[in-house]
């Protein structure tokens, strides 16, 4: 857990020191991909608290979900159908489910102490 916090801190520092801008035409794809990444992060935190975390599953889910979400938004853009709503709904609901589970696990651990 310590290394994860150090990684987040280093990433935030690099993000502030080396700001990167992208074309606003890609904002839909990037926002959906970020939502998918956040879902994976919260799922990883939940799995870690449950004692079932696997690095291979986390990394494959992190990149796989983000690429799939961005691709779904791209295909929807080409077809003129807002398919990104499916990604927003799926990853958004999973994000809240994982957060609720994390909250329950932490409250139960605090209750048992």
C-alpha atoms as a PDB file:
ATOM      1  CA  UNK A   1       0.000   0.000   0.000  1.00  0.00           C
ATOM      2  CA  UNK A   2       2.943   2.280   0.720  1.00  0.00           C
ATOM      3  CA  UNK A   3       4.303   1.897  -2.814  1.00  0.00           C
ATOM      4  CA  UNK A   4       0.899   2.685  -4.289  1.00  0.00           C
ATOM      5  CA  UNK A   5       0.740   5.959  -2.376  1.00  0.00           C
ATOM      6  CA  UNK A   6       4.287   6.842  -3.442  1.00  0.00           C
ATOM      7  CA  UNK A   7       3.330   6.084  -7.064  1.00  0.00           C
ATOM      8  CA  UNK A   8       0.277   8.324  -6.847  1.00  0.00           C
ATOM      9  CA  UNK A   9       2.355  11.125  -5.323  1.00  0.00           C
ATOM     10  CA  UNK A  10       5.062  10.831  -7.998  1.00  0.00           C
ATOM     11  CA  UNK A  11       2.421  10.762 -10.751  1.00  0.00           C
ATOM     12  CA  UNK A  12       0.727  13.867  -9.373  1.00  0.00           C
ATOM     13  CA  UNK A  13       4.021  15.741  -9.115  1.00  0.00           C
ATOM     14  CA  UNK A  14       4.982  14.807 -12.685  1.00  0.00           C
ATOM     15  CA  UNK A  15       1.502  15.819 -13.863  1.00  0.00           C
ATOM     16  CA  UNK A  16       1.842  19.263 -12.322  1.00  0.00           C
ATOM     17  CA  UNK A  17       5.433  19.844 -13.426  1.00  0.00           C
ATOM     18  CA  UNK A  18       4.994  18.583 -16.993  1.00  0.00           C
ATOM     19  CA  UNK A  19       1.465  19.543 -17.991  1.00  0.00           C
ATOM     20  CA  UNK A  20       0.283  17.840 -21.151  1.00  0.00           C
ATOM     21  CA  UNK A  21      -2.473  19.224 -23.308  1.00  0.00           C
ATOM     22  CA  UNK A  22      -4.395  17.318 -25.932  1.00  0.00           C
ATOM     23  CA  UNK A  23      -6.749  18.210 -28.713  1.00  0.00           C
ATOM     24  CA  UNK A  24     -10.273  18.841 -27.402  1.00  0.00           C
ATOM     25  CA  UNK A  25     -11.635  16.574 -30.129  1.00  0.00           C
ATOM     26  CA  UNK A  26     -10.332  13.664 -28.043  1.00  0.00           C
ATOM     27  CA  UNK A  27     -11.869  14.793 -24.758  1.00  0.00           C
ATOM     28  CA  UNK A  28     -14.788  12.340 -24.993  1.00  0.00           C
ATOM     29  CA  UNK A  29     -12.482   9.367 -25.534  1.00  0.00           C
ATOM     30  CA  UNK A  30     -10.088  10.423 -22.805  1.00  0.00           C
ATOM     31  CA  UNK A  31     -12.840  11.084 -20.262  1.00  0.00           C
ATOM     32  CA  UNK A  32     -14.424   7.672 -20.856  1.00  0.00           C
ATOM     33  CA  UNK A  33     -11.004   6.010 -20.653  1.00  0.00           C
ATOM     34  CA  UNK A  34     -10.254   7.825 -17.382  1.00  0.00           C
ATOM     35  CA  UNK A  35     -13.579   6.633 -15.969  1.00  0.00           C
ATOM     36  CA  UNK A  36     -12.652   3.061 -16.912  1.00  0.00           C
ATOM     37  CA  UNK A  37      -9.236   3.487 -15.272  1.00  0.00           C
ATOM     38  CA  UNK A  38     -10.834   4.802 -12.086  1.00  0.00           C
ATOM     39  CA  UNK A  39     -13.126   1.777 -12.058  1.00  0.00           C
ATOM     40  CA  UNK A  40     -10.068  -0.469 -12.240  1.00  0.00           C
ATOM     41  CA  UNK A  41      -8.311   1.441  -9.456  1.00  0.00           C
ATOM     42  CA  UNK A  42     -11.310   1.203  -7.144  1.00  0.00           C
ATOM     43  CA  UNK A  43     -11.667  -2.483  -8.037  1.00  0.00           C
ATOM     44  CA  UNK A  44      -8.004  -2.993  -7.174  1.00  0.00           C
ATOM     45  CA  UNK A  45      -8.415  -1.256  -3.824  1.00  0.00           C
ATOM     46  CA  UNK A  46     -11.457  -3.397  -3.090  1.00  0.00           C
ATOM     47  CA  UNK A  47      -9.626  -6.603  -4.062  1.00  0.00           C
ATOM     48  CA  UNK A  48      -6.660  -5.595  -1.898  1.00  0.00           C
ATOM     49  CA  UNK A  49      -8.909  -5.042   1.114  1.00  0.00           C
ATOM     50  CA  UNK A  50     -10.586  -8.409   0.487  1.00  0.00           C
ATOM     51  CA  UNK A  51      -7.191 -10.101   0.188  1.00  0.00           C
ATOM     52  CA  UNK A  52      -7.699 -11.237  -3.423  1.00  0.00           C
ATOM     53  CA  UNK A  53      -5.614  -8.665  -5.328  1.00  0.00           C
ATOM     54  CA  UNK A  54      -3.731  -9.866  -8.396  1.00  0.00           C
ATOM     55  CA  UNK A  55      -1.354  -7.591 -10.252  1.00  0.00           C
ATOM     56  CA  UNK A  56      -1.954  -9.365 -13.564  1.00  0.00           C
ATOM     57  CA  UNK A  57      -5.719  -8.960 -13.276  1.00  0.00           C
ATOM     58  CA  UNK A  58      -5.362  -5.316 -12.247  1.00  0.00           C
ATOM     59  CA  UNK A  59      -2.986  -4.326 -15.051  1.00  0.00           C
ATOM     60  CA  UNK A  60      -4.933  -6.192 -17.733  1.00  0.00           C
ATOM     61  CA  UNK A  61      -8.192  -4.687 -16.492  1.00  0.00           C
ATOM     62  CA  UNK A  62      -6.727  -1.201 -16.229  1.00  0.00           C
ATOM     63  CA  UNK A  63      -5.468  -1.079 -19.799  1.00  0.00           C
ATOM     64  CA  UNK A  64      -8.110  -3.362 -21.285  1.00  0.00           C
ATOM     65  CA  UNK A  65     -11.032  -1.422 -19.827  1.00  0.00           C
ATOM     66  CA  UNK A  66      -9.626   1.953 -20.819  1.00  0.00           C
ATOM     67  CA  UNK A  67      -8.877   0.873 -24.381  1.00  0.00           C
ATOM     68  CA  UNK A  68     -12.268  -0.804 -24.726  1.00  0.00           C
ATOM     69  CA  UNK A  69     -14.091   2.250 -23.387  1.00  0.00           C
ATOM     70  CA  UNK A  70     -12.233   4.655 -25.684  1.00  0.00           C
ATOM     71  CA  UNK A  71     -12.766   2.322 -28.653  1.00  0.00           C
ATOM     72  CA  UNK A  72     -16.474   2.073 -27.872  1.00  0.00           C
ATOM     73  CA  UNK A  73     -16.730   5.861 -27.794  1.00  0.00           C
ATOM     74  CA  UNK A  74     -14.791   6.079 -31.074  1.00  0.00           C
ATOM     75  CA  UNK A  75     -16.998   3.520 -32.851  1.00  0.00           C
ATOM     76  CA  UNK A  76     -20.083   5.309 -31.566  1.00  0.00           C
ATOM     77  CA  UNK A  77     -18.703   8.573 -32.881  1.00  0.00           C
ATOM     78  CA  UNK A  78     -18.183   7.058 -36.334  1.00  0.00           C
ATOM     79  CA  UNK A  79     -21.666   5.517 -36.379  1.00  0.00           C
ATOM     80  CA  UNK A  80     -23.302   8.639 -35.000  1.00  0.00           C
ATOM     81  CA  UNK A  81     -24.664   6.700 -32.012  1.00  0.00           C
ATOM     82  CA  UNK A  82     -23.688   7.768 -28.474  1.00  0.00           C
ATOM     83  CA  UNK A  83     -22.248   4.380 -27.471  1.00  0.00           C
ATOM     84  CA  UNK A  84     -20.106   6.079 -24.846  1.00  0.00           C
ATOM     85  CA  UNK A  85     -23.229   6.155 -22.663  1.00  0.00           C
ATOM     86  CA  UNK A  86     -22.877   2.388 -22.267  1.00  0.00           C
ATOM     87  CA  UNK A  87     -19.333   2.818 -20.964  1.00  0.00           C
ATOM     88  CA  UNK A  88     -20.354   5.685 -18.688  1.00  0.00           C
ATOM     89  CA  UNK A  89     -23.239   3.673 -17.250  1.00  0.00           C
ATOM     90  CA  UNK A  90     -21.255   0.458 -16.804  1.00  0.00           C
ATOM     91  CA  UNK A  91     -18.053   1.902 -15.388  1.00  0.00           C
ATOM     92  CA  UNK A  92     -19.894   4.553 -13.371  1.00  0.00           C
ATOM     93  CA  UNK A  93     -22.145   2.007 -11.672  1.00  0.00           C
ATOM     94  CA  UNK A  94     -19.198  -0.321 -11.020  1.00  0.00           C
ATOM     95  CA  UNK A  95     -17.245   2.593  -9.575  1.00  0.00           C
ATOM     96  CA  UNK A  96     -20.012   3.330  -7.085  1.00  0.00           C
ATOM     97  CA  UNK A  97     -20.417  -0.385  -6.269  1.00  0.00           C
ATOM     98  CA  UNK A  98     -16.700  -0.710  -5.573  1.00  0.00           C
ATOM     99  CA  UNK A  99     -16.726   2.453  -3.464  1.00  0.00           C
ATOM    100  CA  UNK A 100     -19.668   1.138  -1.436  1.00  0.00           C
ATOM    101  CA  UNK A 101     -17.866  -2.169  -0.878  1.00  0.00           C
ATOM    102  CA  UNK A 102     -14.661  -0.379   0.147  1.00  0.00           C
ATOM    103  CA  UNK A 103     -16.622   1.749   2.586  1.00  0.00           C
ATOM    104  CA  UNK A 104     -18.337  -1.326   4.091  1.00  0.00           C
ATOM    105  CA  UNK A 105     -15.059  -3.218   4.446  1.00  0.00           C
ATOM    106  CA  UNK A 106     -13.338  -0.274   6.138  1.00  0.00           C
ATOM    107  CA  UNK A 107     -16.265   0.332   8.492  1.00  0.00           C
ATOM    108  CA  UNK A 108     -16.388  -3.357   9.433  1.00  0.00           C
ATOM    109  CA  UNK A 109     -12.640  -3.372  10.102  1.00  0.00           C
ATOM    110  CA  UNK A 110     -12.964  -0.262  12.255  1.00  0.00           C
ATOM    111  CA  UNK A 111     -15.946  -1.792  14.101  1.00  0.00           C
ATOM    112  CA  UNK A 112     -14.024  -4.975  14.917  1.00  0.00           C
ATOM    113  CA  UNK A 113     -11.031  -3.051  16.328  1.00  0.00           C
END
